[in-house]
Amino acid sequence: MNITPENARALQDELRTRVVLDEPGPPPGTGHLTGVDVAYDDARDLVVAAAVVLDAATLAVVEEATATGRVQFPYVPGLLAFREMPTVLDALGRLSADPGLVVCDGYGQAHPRRFGLASHLGVLTGLPTFGVAKNPFAFTYEQPGPRRGDSTPLIDDSGNGDRAEVGRALRTQDGVKPVFVSVGHRISLDNACAHTLRLAAVHRQPETTRRADSLCRRVLADTSDWAARN
């Protein structure tokens, strides 16, 4: 990817104006849900992306697709989408099923520039998207209650005394650490949290993320032929 970090930030500022935040998104339990995730082999500059489509009612796998590529952008905090996006888009493009609502292992509005991977992916594809992250990036929150479904606002308090809610700390299992849910594109935060709880009926992480993570790691472990050809 022939783009500098400075140009990448400028592009984020431009694309951020296209984010849609006033749509509720699909109701939980309807249509398809697609998890996307990536795995890296830094020694070989390889990245594998996986897209796993689930039936929203049953969480059964409908379709899986993967794509492998070279890492073409350096690691820069806040610009992770530019490392992952080309391969993620490739994986999504290999699906024959409608992806429906896309769940990213990362951030949407809970990003220093309000434009994390989930937002970026939503704007480029037009699909409703949200992110579920394992940590809160640079934002603050109070611990939610100990029970599944308890939540507290994820707050950006870095600017001029304003305290903006950029996501939620959500307890998906009793007594386990929360996950951090943020809107990407064309879905409300309440609805994103409802989807997350439905997807995380057994584990801390949603099934979309768990299945996409497992798939891309399996494919990365068997990329010797691809690396030799490319």
Protein backbone atom coordinates (compact mmCIF):
# COMPACT_ATOMS: atom_id res chain seq x y z
CA MET A 1 0.00 0.00 0.00
CA ASN A 2 1.69 3.15 -1.21
CA ILE A 3 0.47 5.56 1.45
CA THR A 4 2.23 7.40 4.27
CA PRO A 5 0.91 7.57 7.84
CA GLU A 6 0.18 11.27 7.30
CA ASN A 7 -1.88 10.48 4.20
CA ALA A 8 -3.61 7.66 6.04
CA ARG A 9 -4.74 10.03 8.80
CA ALA A 10 -6.03 12.49 6.21
CA LEU A 11 -7.96 9.67 4.53
CA GLN A 12 -9.47 8.69 7.88
CA ASP A 13 -10.66 12.26 8.35
CA GLU A 14 -12.27 12.22 4.91
CA LEU A 15 -13.93 8.82 5.22
CA ARG A 16 -15.15 9.50 8.76
CA THR A 17 -17.65 12.00 7.37
CA ARG A 18 -19.42 9.09 5.63
CA VAL A 19 -20.07 7.06 8.79
CA VAL A 20 -23.80 6.55 9.44
CA LEU A 21 -24.71 6.56 13.13
CA ASP A 22 -28.50 7.03 13.02
CA GLU A 23 -29.59 3.57 11.85
CA PRO A 24 -30.60 0.88 14.36
CA GLY A 25 -29.17 -2.04 12.40
CA PRO A 26 -30.66 -5.53 12.02
CA PRO A 27 -32.46 -7.03 15.03
CA PRO A 28 -30.61 -9.75 16.95
CA GLY A 29 -31.37 -13.25 15.74
CA THR A 30 -32.15 -12.25 12.14
CA GLY A 31 -30.21 -12.67 8.91
CA HIS A 32 -26.47 -13.31 8.84
CA LEU A 33 -23.59 -12.26 11.07
CA THR A 34 -20.04 -12.30 9.75
CA GLY A 35 -16.92 -12.32 11.89
CA VAL A 36 -13.69 -11.00 10.43
CA ASP A 37 -10.22 -11.33 11.92
CA VAL A 38 -6.59 -11.47 10.84
CA ALA A 39 -3.42 -13.32 11.83
CA TYR A 40 0.14 -12.23 11.09
CA ASP A 41 3.46 -13.92 10.41
CA ASP A 42 5.80 -10.98 10.97
CA ALA A 43 8.90 -12.94 10.02
CA ARG A 44 7.54 -13.45 6.50
CA ASP A 45 5.43 -10.25 6.27
CA LEU A 46 2.31 -12.35 5.75
CA VAL A 47 -1.24 -11.63 6.84
CA VAL A 48 -4.23 -13.96 6.60
CA ALA A 49 -7.80 -12.67 6.90
CA ALA A 50 -10.84 -14.82 7.61
CA ALA A 51 -14.53 -14.09 7.14
CA VAL A 52 -16.98 -16.51 8.76
CA VAL A 53 -20.71 -16.15 8.08
CA LEU A 54 -23.06 -17.40 10.80
CA ASP A 55 -26.81 -17.83 10.78
CA ALA A 56 -27.93 -15.27 13.33
CA ALA A 57 -30.73 -17.45 14.70
CA THR A 58 -28.72 -20.63 15.28
CA LEU A 59 -25.07 -19.42 15.09
CA ALA A 60 -24.39 -22.27 12.66
CA VAL A 61 -21.65 -21.63 10.09
CA VAL A 62 -23.10 -20.71 6.69
CA GLU A 63 -19.85 -20.06 4.80
CA GLU A 64 -16.15 -19.40 5.38
CA ALA A 65 -13.58 -17.57 3.26
CA THR A 66 -9.95 -16.61 3.70
CA ALA A 67 -7.39 -14.48 1.90
CA THR A 68 -3.61 -14.27 2.24
CA GLY A 69 -1.47 -11.26 1.45
CA ARG A 70 1.73 -9.40 2.18
CA VAL A 71 1.80 -6.78 4.92
CA GLN A 72 2.14 -3.48 3.07
CA PHE A 73 1.75 -0.88 5.83
CA PRO A 74 3.79 -0.43 9.02
CA TYR A 75 2.36 -0.88 12.48
CA VAL A 76 1.20 2.58 13.60
CA PRO A 77 -1.18 2.94 16.57
CA GLY A 78 -4.54 4.17 15.34
CA LEU A 79 -3.85 3.11 11.74
CA LEU A 80 -4.21 -0.64 12.07
CA ALA A 81 -6.97 -0.73 9.44
CA PHE A 82 -4.45 0.17 6.75
CA ARG A 83 -2.48 -3.01 7.54
CA GLU A 84 -5.54 -5.24 7.58
CA MET A 85 -8.10 -3.75 5.21
CA PRO A 86 -6.86 -5.04 1.82
CA THR A 87 -6.82 -8.67 2.97
CA VAL A 88 -10.07 -8.37 4.92
CA LEU A 89 -11.82 -6.95 1.85
CA ASP A 90 -10.36 -9.79 -0.22
CA ALA A 91 -11.76 -12.38 2.18
CA LEU A 92 -15.20 -10.74 2.24
CA GLY A 93 -15.18 -10.58 -1.55
CA ARG A 94 -14.74 -14.36 -1.75
CA LEU A 95 -18.05 -14.99 0.04
CA SER A 96 -21.09 -16.00 -1.99
CA ALA A 97 -23.45 -15.53 0.99
CA ASP A 98 -24.68 -12.11 2.08
CA PRO A 99 -22.41 -11.08 5.00
CA GLY A 100 -25.24 -9.26 6.76
CA LEU A 101 -23.92 -7.57 9.92
CA VAL A 102 -20.12 -7.66 10.23
CA VAL A 103 -18.45 -7.99 13.64
CA CYS A 104 -14.79 -6.93 13.85
CA ASP A 105 -12.18 -7.87 16.42
CA GLY A 106 -11.36 -4.23 17.12
CA TYR A 107 -12.86 -0.77 17.32
CA GLY A 108 -15.32 1.50 15.59
CA GLN A 109 -16.07 4.82 17.30
CA ALA A 110 -13.80 3.82 20.22
CA HIS A 111 -10.78 5.09 18.35
CA PRO A 112 -8.74 8.31 18.77
CA ARG A 113 -10.02 9.60 15.42
CA ARG A 114 -13.49 7.97 15.78
CA PHE A 115 -12.66 5.76 12.82
CA GLY A 116 -11.41 2.33 13.78
CA LEU A 117 -11.39 -0.80 11.63
CA ALA A 118 -15.14 -1.42 12.04
CA SER A 119 -16.00 2.10 10.88
CA HIS A 120 -13.51 1.94 8.01
CA LEU A 121 -14.82 -1.41 6.83
CA GLY A 122 -18.43 -0.28 7.08
CA VAL A 123 -17.85 2.85 4.99
CA LEU A 124 -15.94 0.95 2.29
CA THR A 125 -18.47 -1.89 2.00
CA GLY A 126 -21.72 -0.18 2.97
CA LEU A 127 -22.42 -3.02 5.42
CA PRO A 128 -23.55 -2.49 9.02
CA THR A 129 -20.56 -3.08 11.29
CA PHE A 130 -19.44 -2.90 14.90
CA GLY A 131 -16.34 -3.79 16.87
CA VAL A 132 -15.80 -5.94 19.95
CA ALA A 133 -12.34 -5.41 21.45
CA LYS A 134 -10.49 -7.13 24.27
CA ASN A 135 -9.20 -3.88 25.82
CA PRO A 136 -10.38 -0.25 25.97
CA PHE A 137 -7.60 1.37 23.86
CA ALA A 138 -6.93 4.75 25.52
CA PHE A 139 -10.39 5.35 26.97
CA THR A 140 -11.71 5.20 30.53
CA TYR A 141 -14.58 3.28 32.10
CA GLU A 142 -15.90 2.16 35.44
CA GLN A 143 -16.09 -1.55 36.06
CA PRO A 144 -19.54 -2.85 35.13
CA GLY A 145 -21.45 -5.00 37.60
CA PRO A 146 -20.38 -8.63 37.96
CA ARG A 147 -23.27 -10.22 36.09
CA ARG A 148 -23.65 -11.05 32.42
CA GLY A 149 -25.21 -8.07 30.60
CA ASP A 150 -23.93 -5.43 33.02
CA SER A 151 -22.31 -2.50 31.21
CA THR A 152 -20.82 0.95 31.70
CA PRO A 153 -19.96 3.73 29.23
CA LEU A 154 -16.55 3.78 27.58
CA ILE A 155 -15.60 7.44 27.83
CA ASP A 156 -13.28 9.72 25.88
CA ASP A 157 -12.46 12.52 28.32
CA SER A 158 -9.45 13.87 26.42
CA GLY A 159 -10.98 17.00 24.89
CA ASN A 160 -11.99 20.35 26.43
CA GLY A 161 -13.81 18.90 29.38
CA ASP A 162 -16.27 16.97 27.21
CA ARG A 163 -16.92 13.36 28.14
CA ALA A 164 -18.11 11.55 25.03
CA GLU A 165 -19.40 7.97 25.14
CA VAL A 166 -17.53 6.09 22.41
CA GLY A 167 -18.60 2.57 23.35
CA ARG A 168 -19.45 0.31 26.25
CA ALA A 169 -17.66 -2.02 28.61
CA LEU A 170 -19.92 -5.08 28.52
CA ARG A 171 -19.82 -8.11 30.82
CA THR A 172 -20.58 -11.10 28.62
CA GLN A 173 -20.12 -13.78 31.32
CA ASP A 174 -20.58 -13.62 35.07
CA GLY A 175 -17.36 -12.61 36.81
CA VAL A 176 -15.14 -12.39 33.70
CA LYS A 177 -13.44 -9.31 32.29
CA PRO A 178 -15.66 -7.15 30.09
CA VAL A 179 -15.31 -6.70 26.35
CA PHE A 180 -15.49 -3.29 24.71
CA VAL A 181 -18.22 -2.73 22.14
CA SER A 182 -18.28 0.23 19.76
CA VAL A 183 -20.37 1.17 16.76
CA GLY A 184 -18.79 1.02 13.32
CA HIS A 185 -21.44 1.92 10.74
CA ARG A 186 -25.24 1.68 10.38
CA ILE A 187 -26.05 0.22 13.82
CA SER A 188 -26.87 1.59 17.26
CA LEU A 189 -24.74 0.94 20.33
CA ASP A 190 -27.66 -0.66 22.19
CA ASN A 191 -28.22 -3.06 19.30
CA ALA A 192 -24.50 -3.82 18.98
CA CYS A 193 -24.41 -4.77 22.66
CA ALA A 194 -27.52 -6.96 22.24
CA HIS A 195 -25.88 -8.78 19.33
CA THR A 196 -22.69 -9.22 21.35
CA LEU A 197 -24.53 -10.85 24.25
CA ARG A 198 -26.33 -13.21 21.91
CA LEU A 199 -23.02 -14.12 20.24
CA ALA A 200 -21.25 -14.58 23.58
CA ALA A 201 -23.70 -17.01 25.17
CA VAL A 202 -20.92 -19.36 26.31
CA HIS A 203 -17.58 -17.54 26.07
CA ARG A 204 -16.27 -14.05 26.80
CA GLN A 205 -15.66 -13.33 23.10
CA PRO A 206 -18.45 -13.49 20.51
CA GLU A 207 -18.63 -16.61 18.35
CA THR A 208 -18.00 -14.51 15.25
CA THR A 209 -14.57 -13.51 16.55
CA ARG A 210 -13.73 -16.93 17.96
CA ARG A 211 -14.46 -18.72 14.69
CA ALA A 212 -12.73 -16.15 12.46
CA ASP A 213 -9.68 -16.12 14.74
CA SER A 214 -9.41 -19.90 14.70
CA LEU A 215 -9.78 -20.08 10.92
CA CYS A 216 -7.18 -17.45 10.05
CA ARG A 217 -4.68 -19.00 12.45
CA ARG A 218 -5.15 -22.44 10.91
CA VAL A 219 -4.64 -21.06 7.41
CA LEU A 220 -1.59 -19.02 8.46
CA ALA A 221 0.03 -22.18 9.81
CA ASP A 222 -0.17 -23.70 6.32
CA THR A 223 0.99 -20.87 4.04
CA SER A 224 4.32 -22.31 2.90
CA ASP A 225 3.04 -22.95 -0.65
CA TRP A 226 1.51 -19.49 -0.93
CA ALA A 227 4.69 -17.80 0.29
CA ALA A 228 6.78 -19.77 -2.20
CA ARG A 229 4.54 -18.71 -5.09
CA ASN A 230 4.32 -15.07 -4.06
